[in-house]
Amino acid sequence: MGIGELQTIATVSAFIAFVGIAWWAYSPKNKKRFEEDAQLALDDKDVKALSEEQRNKDER
């Protein structure tokens, strides 16, 4: 296996990873979560006041 083949495999792997991440980021099921996360910096809520579900939403 030469250097050209390794570069091809790396390029294809990087492209597949990019497409996968873009698909995940723009999938409709994540829209609500990302909109909520975008507002976190603007919220004045205290972290202690958040429910357990809101604090651990990434573990779902």
PDB file of N, CA and C in Angstrom:
ATOM      1  N   MET A   1       0.855  -1.167   0.000  1.00  0.00           N
ATOM      2  CA  MET A   1       0.000   0.000   0.000  1.00  0.00           C
ATOM      3  C   MET A   1       0.902   1.231   0.000  1.00  0.00           C
ATOM      4  N   GLY A   2       0.757   2.036  -1.032  1.00  0.00           N
ATOM      5  CA  GLY A   2       1.592   3.212  -1.166  1.00  0.00           C
ATOM      6  C   GLY A   2       1.002   4.427  -0.464  1.00  0.00           C
ATOM      7  N   ILE A   3       1.788   5.510  -0.493  1.00  0.00           N
ATOM      8  CA  ILE A   3       1.374   6.749   0.165  1.00  0.00           C
ATOM      9  C   ILE A   3       0.117   7.332  -0.485  1.00  0.00           C
ATOM     10  N   GLY A   4      -0.017   7.157  -1.798  1.00  0.00           N
ATOM     11  CA  GLY A   4      -1.191   7.665  -2.507  1.00  0.00           C
ATOM     12  C   GLY A   4      -2.478   7.004  -2.042  1.00  0.00           C
ATOM     13  N   GLU A   5      -2.411   5.692  -1.821  1.00  0.00           N
ATOM     14  CA  GLU A   5      -3.586   4.966  -1.339  1.00  0.00           C
ATOM     15  C   GLU A   5      -3.945   5.384   0.077  1.00  0.00           C
ATOM     16  N   LEU A   6      -2.945   5.593   0.914  1.00  0.00           N
ATOM     17  CA  LEU A   6      -3.201   6.041   2.289  1.00  0.00           C
ATOM     18  C   LEU A   6      -3.828   7.440   2.303  1.00  0.00           C
ATOM     19  N   GLN A   7      -3.345   8.306   1.425  1.00  0.00           N
ATOM     20  CA  GLN A   7      -3.923   9.651   1.341  1.00  0.00           C
ATOM     21  C   GLN A   7      -5.373   9.586   0.854  1.00  0.00           C
ATOM     22  N   THR A   8      -5.646   8.707  -0.068  1.00  0.00           N
ATOM     23  CA  THR A   8      -7.010   8.537  -0.566  1.00  0.00           C
ATOM     24  C   THR A   8      -7.933   8.046   0.543  1.00  0.00           C
ATOM     25  N   ILE A   9      -7.477   7.068   1.297  1.00  0.00           N
ATOM     26  CA  ILE A   9      -8.273   6.539   2.411  1.00  0.00           C
ATOM     27  C   ILE A   9      -8.518   7.634   3.454  1.00  0.00           C
ATOM     28  N   ALA A  10      -7.501   8.413   3.768  1.00  0.00           N
ATOM     29  CA  ALA A  10      -7.652   9.495   4.745  1.00  0.00           C
ATOM     30  C   ALA A  10      -8.627  10.555   4.241  1.00  0.00           C
ATOM     31  N   THR A  11      -8.556  10.898   2.966  1.00  0.00           N
ATOM     32  CA  THR A  11      -9.450  11.904   2.392  1.00  0.00           C
ATOM     33  C   THR A  11     -10.900  11.423   2.410  1.00  0.00           C
ATOM     34  N   VAL A  12     -11.107  10.194   2.000  1.00  0.00           N
ATOM     35  CA  VAL A  12     -12.467   9.634   1.993  1.00  0.00           C
ATOM     36  C   VAL A  12     -13.009   9.532   3.425  1.00  0.00           C
ATOM     37  N   SER A  13     -12.182   9.122   4.358  1.00  0.00           N
ATOM     38  CA  SER A  13     -12.604   9.024   5.757  1.00  0.00           C
ATOM     39  C   SER A  13     -12.971  10.395   6.313  1.00  0.00           C
ATOM     40  N   ALA A  14     -12.181  11.403   6.018  1.00  0.00           N
ATOM     41  CA  ALA A  14     -12.475  12.757   6.491  1.00  0.00           C
ATOM     42  C   ALA A  14     -13.770  13.279   5.876  1.00  0.00           C
ATOM     43  N   PHE A  15     -14.001  12.985   4.599  1.00  0.00           N
ATOM     44  CA  PHE A  15     -15.231  13.419   3.942  1.00  0.00           C
ATOM     45  C   PHE A  15     -16.448  12.739   4.562  1.00  0.00           C
ATOM     46  N   ILE A  16     -16.347  11.451   4.824  1.00  0.00           N
ATOM     47  CA  ILE A  16     -17.455  10.718   5.449  1.00  0.00           C
ATOM     48  C   ILE A  16     -17.736  11.274   6.843  1.00  0.00           C
ATOM     49  N   ALA A  17     -16.686  11.572   7.605  1.00  0.00           N
ATOM     50  CA  ALA A  17     -16.866  12.161   8.940  1.00  0.00           C
ATOM     51  C   ALA A  17     -17.534  13.530   8.826  1.00  0.00           C
ATOM     52  N   PHE A  18     -17.123  14.342   7.879  1.00  0.00           N
ATOM     53  CA  PHE A  18     -17.720  15.662   7.682  1.00  0.00           C
ATOM     54  C   PHE A  18     -19.203  15.547   7.347  1.00  0.00           C
ATOM     55  N   VAL A  19     -19.537  14.668   6.425  1.00  0.00           N
ATOM     56  CA  VAL A  19     -20.938  14.491   6.042  1.00  0.00           C
ATOM     57  C   VAL A  19     -21.755  13.998   7.235  1.00  0.00           C
ATOM     58  N   GLY A  20     -21.210  13.086   8.011  1.00  0.00           N
ATOM     59  CA  GLY A  20     -21.911  12.580   9.193  1.00  0.00           C
ATOM     60  C   GLY A  20     -22.166  13.664  10.230  1.00  0.00           C
ATOM     61  N   ILE A  21     -21.167  14.480  10.490  1.00  0.00           N
ATOM     62  CA  ILE A  21     -21.322  15.564  11.469  1.00  0.00           C
ATOM     63  C   ILE A  21     -22.303  16.610  10.956  1.00  0.00           C
ATOM     64  N   ALA A  22     -22.223  16.946   9.674  1.00  0.00           N
ATOM     65  CA  ALA A  22     -23.160  17.922   9.107  1.00  0.00           C
ATOM     66  C   ALA A  22     -24.583  17.389   9.151  1.00  0.00           C
ATOM     67  N   TRP A  23     -24.761  16.115   8.841  1.00  0.00           N
ATOM     68  CA  TRP A  23     -26.100  15.511   8.900  1.00  0.00           C
ATOM     69  C   TRP A  23     -26.645  15.562  10.326  1.00  0.00           C
ATOM     70  N   TRP A  24     -25.810  15.224  11.309  1.00  0.00           N
ATOM     71  CA  TRP A  24     -26.228  15.256  12.710  1.00  0.00           C
ATOM     72  C   TRP A  24     -26.584  16.681  13.145  1.00  0.00           C
ATOM     73  N   ALA A  25     -25.765  17.649  12.767  1.00  0.00           N
ATOM     74  CA  ALA A  25     -25.975  19.032  13.191  1.00  0.00           C
ATOM     75  C   ALA A  25     -27.233  19.638  12.593  1.00  0.00           C
ATOM     76  N   TYR A  26     -27.567  19.264  11.381  1.00  0.00           N
ATOM     77  CA  TYR A  26     -28.719  19.852  10.707  1.00  0.00           C
ATOM     78  C   TYR A  26     -29.957  18.962  10.728  1.00  0.00           C
ATOM     79  N   SER A  27     -29.914  17.853  11.428  1.00  0.00           N
ATOM     80  CA  SER A  27     -31.094  16.991  11.473  1.00  0.00           C
ATOM     81  C   SER A  27     -32.192  17.668  12.291  1.00  0.00           C
ATOM     82  N   PRO A  28     -33.424  17.547  11.855  1.00  0.00           N
ATOM     83  CA  PRO A  28     -34.545  18.231  12.519  1.00  0.00           C
ATOM     84  C   PRO A  28     -34.727  17.833  13.980  1.00  0.00           C
ATOM     85  N   LYS A  29     -34.362  16.620  14.349  1.00  0.00           N
ATOM     86  CA  LYS A  29     -34.575  16.193  15.742  1.00  0.00           C
ATOM     87  C   LYS A  29     -33.675  16.955  16.722  1.00  0.00           C
ATOM     88  N   ASN A  30     -32.586  17.552  16.255  1.00  0.00           N
ATOM     89  CA  ASN A  30     -31.688  18.303  17.125  1.00  0.00           C
ATOM     90  C   ASN A  30     -31.988  19.797  17.151  1.00  0.00           C
ATOM     91  N   LYS A  31     -32.908  20.272  16.325  1.00  0.00           N
ATOM     92  CA  LYS A  31     -33.156  21.701  16.208  1.00  0.00           C
ATOM     93  C   LYS A  31     -33.564  22.320  17.545  1.00  0.00           C
ATOM     94  N   LYS A  32     -34.514  21.706  18.250  1.00  0.00           N
ATOM     95  CA  LYS A  32     -34.987  22.255  19.520  1.00  0.00           C
ATOM     96  C   LYS A  32     -33.848  22.312  20.541  1.00  0.00           C
ATOM     97  N   ARG A  33     -33.073  21.248  20.607  1.00  0.00           N
ATOM     98  CA  ARG A  33     -31.961  21.201  21.562  1.00  0.00           C
ATOM     99  C   ARG A  33     -30.954  22.312  21.283  1.00  0.00           C
ATOM    100  N   PHE A  34     -30.588  22.500  20.012  1.00  0.00           N
ATOM    101  CA  PHE A  34     -29.612  23.521  19.667  1.00  0.00           C
ATOM    102  C   PHE A  34     -30.156  24.925  19.914  1.00  0.00           C
ATOM    103  N   GLU A  35     -31.450  25.123  19.693  1.00  0.00           N
ATOM    104  CA  GLU A  35     -32.047  26.428  19.980  1.00  0.00           C
ATOM    105  C   GLU A  35     -32.024  26.714  21.485  1.00  0.00           C
ATOM    106  N   GLU A  36     -32.307  25.694  22.290  1.00  0.00           N
ATOM    107  CA  GLU A  36     -32.229  25.859  23.744  1.00  0.00           C
ATOM    108  C   GLU A  36     -30.794  26.149  24.177  1.00  0.00           C
ATOM    109  N   ASP A  37     -29.851  25.414  23.635  1.00  0.00           N
ATOM    110  CA  ASP A  37     -28.441  25.613  23.994  1.00  0.00           C
ATOM    111  C   ASP A  37     -27.949  26.999  23.584  1.00  0.00           C
ATOM    112  N   ALA A  38     -28.462  27.521  22.484  1.00  0.00           N
ATOM    113  CA  ALA A  38     -28.050  28.850  22.028  1.00  0.00           C
ATOM    114  C   ALA A  38     -28.502  29.931  23.003  1.00  0.00           C
ATOM    115  N   GLN A  39     -29.566  29.667  23.736  1.00  0.00           N
ATOM    116  CA  GLN A  39     -30.100  30.650  24.674  1.00  0.00           C
ATOM    117  C   GLN A  39     -29.457  30.563  26.067  1.00  0.00           C
ATOM    118  N   LEU A  40     -28.640  29.553  26.313  1.00  0.00           N
ATOM    119  CA  LEU A  40     -28.057  29.367  27.647  1.00  0.00           C
ATOM    120  C   LEU A  40     -27.252  30.579  28.109  1.00  0.00           C
ATOM    121  N   ALA A  41     -26.499  31.164  27.223  1.00  0.00           N
ATOM    122  CA  ALA A  41     -25.670  32.314  27.612  1.00  0.00           C
ATOM    123  C   ALA A  41     -26.529  33.529  27.945  1.00  0.00           C
ATOM    124  N   LEU A  42     -27.738  33.556  27.434  1.00  0.00           N
ATOM    125  CA  LEU A  42     -28.611  34.701  27.656  1.00  0.00           C
ATOM    126  C   LEU A  42     -29.547  34.518  28.846  1.00  0.00           C
ATOM    127  N   ASP A  43     -29.679  33.292  29.311  1.00  0.00           N
ATOM    128  CA  ASP A  43     -30.587  33.011  30.422  1.00  0.00           C
ATOM    129  C   ASP A  43     -30.000  33.481  31.738  1.00  0.00           C
ATOM    130  N   ASP A  44     -30.865  33.989  32.590  1.00  0.00           N
ATOM    131  CA  ASP A  44     -30.445  34.416  33.921  1.00  0.00           C
ATOM    132  C   ASP A  44     -30.767  33.369  34.981  1.00  0.00           C
ATOM    133  N   LYS A  45     -31.239  32.232  34.559  1.00  0.00           N
ATOM    134  CA  LYS A  45     -31.584  31.174  35.505  1.00  0.00           C
ATOM    135  C   LYS A  45     -30.333  30.675  36.224  1.00  0.00           C
ATOM    136  N   ASP A  46     -30.516  30.346  37.455  1.00  0.00           N
ATOM    137  CA  ASP A  46     -29.440  29.746  38.226  1.00  0.00           C
ATOM    138  C   ASP A  46     -29.379  28.256  37.879  1.00  0.00           C
ATOM    139  N   VAL A  47     -28.193  27.697  37.786  1.00  0.00           N
ATOM    140  CA  VAL A  47     -28.042  26.288  37.436  1.00  0.00           C
ATOM    141  C   VAL A  47     -28.743  25.401  38.457  1.00  0.00           C
ATOM    142  N   LYS A  48     -28.744  25.794  39.710  1.00  0.00           N
ATOM    143  CA  LYS A  48     -29.395  24.992  40.743  1.00  0.00           C
ATOM    144  C   LYS A  48     -30.903  24.941  40.545  1.00  0.00           C
ATOM    145  N   ALA A  49     -31.457  25.921  39.883  1.00  0.00           N
ATOM    146  CA  ALA A  49     -32.900  25.970  39.676  1.00  0.00           C
ATOM    147  C   ALA A  49     -33.339  25.082  38.518  1.00  0.00           C
ATOM    148  N   LEU A  50     -32.400  24.629  37.703  1.00  0.00           N
ATOM    149  CA  LEU A  50     -32.758  23.786  36.577  1.00  0.00           C
ATOM    150  C   LEU A  50     -33.122  22.389  37.060  1.00  0.00           C
ATOM    151  N   SER A  51     -34.044  21.777  36.371  1.00  0.00           N
ATOM    152  CA  SER A  51     -34.423  20.422  36.731  1.00  0.00           C
ATOM    153  C   SER A  51     -33.305  19.456  36.367  1.00  0.00           C
ATOM    154  N   GLU A  52     -33.350  18.293  36.945  1.00  0.00           N
ATOM    155  CA  GLU A  52     -32.347  17.255  36.669  1.00  0.00           C
ATOM    156  C   GLU A  52     -32.350  16.898  35.184  1.00  0.00           C
ATOM    157  N   GLU A  53     -33.522  16.872  34.571  1.00  0.00           N
ATOM    158  CA  GLU A  53     -33.627  16.528  33.153  1.00  0.00           C
ATOM    159  C   GLU A  53     -32.936  17.576  32.283  1.00  0.00           C
ATOM    160  N   GLN A  54     -33.081  18.838  32.602  1.00  0.00           N
ATOM    161  CA  GLN A  54     -32.471  19.893  31.806  1.00  0.00           C
ATOM    162  C   GLN A  54     -30.953  19.881  31.946  1.00  0.00           C
ATOM    163  N   ARG A  55     -30.451  19.578  33.145  1.00  0.00           N
ATOM    164  CA  ARG A  55     -29.000  19.563  33.347  1.00  0.00           C
ATOM    165  C   ARG A  55     -28.331  18.379  32.664  1.00  0.00           C
ATOM    166  N   ASN A  56     -29.064  17.284  32.489  1.00  0.00           N
ATOM    167  CA  ASN A  56     -28.467  16.051  31.958  1.00  0.00           C
ATOM    168  C   ASN A  56     -29.026  15.687  30.598  1.00  0.00           C
ATOM    169  N   LYS A  57     -29.430  16.657  29.807  1.00  0.00           N
ATOM    170  CA  LYS A  57     -30.054  16.347  28.521  1.00  0.00           C
ATOM    171  C   LYS A  57     -29.089  15.718  27.523  1.00  0.00           C
ATOM    172  N   ASP A  58     -27.789  15.892  27.711  1.00  0.00           N
ATOM    173  CA  ASP A  58     -26.832  15.279  26.800  1.00  0.00           C
ATOM    174  C   ASP A  58     -26.686  13.781  27.029  1.00  0.00           C
ATOM    175  N   GLU A  59     -27.113  13.307  28.175  1.00  0.00           N
ATOM    176  CA  GLU A  59     -26.980  11.879  28.492  1.00  0.00           C
ATOM    177  C   GLU A  59     -28.121  11.051  27.925  1.00  0.00           C
ATOM    178  N   ARG A  60     -29.114  11.688  27.322  1.00  0.00           N
ATOM    179  CA  ARG A  60     -30.262  10.955  26.756  1.00  0.00           C
ATOM    180  C   ARG A  60     -29.880  10.200  25.541  1.00  0.00           C
TER     181      ARG A  60
END
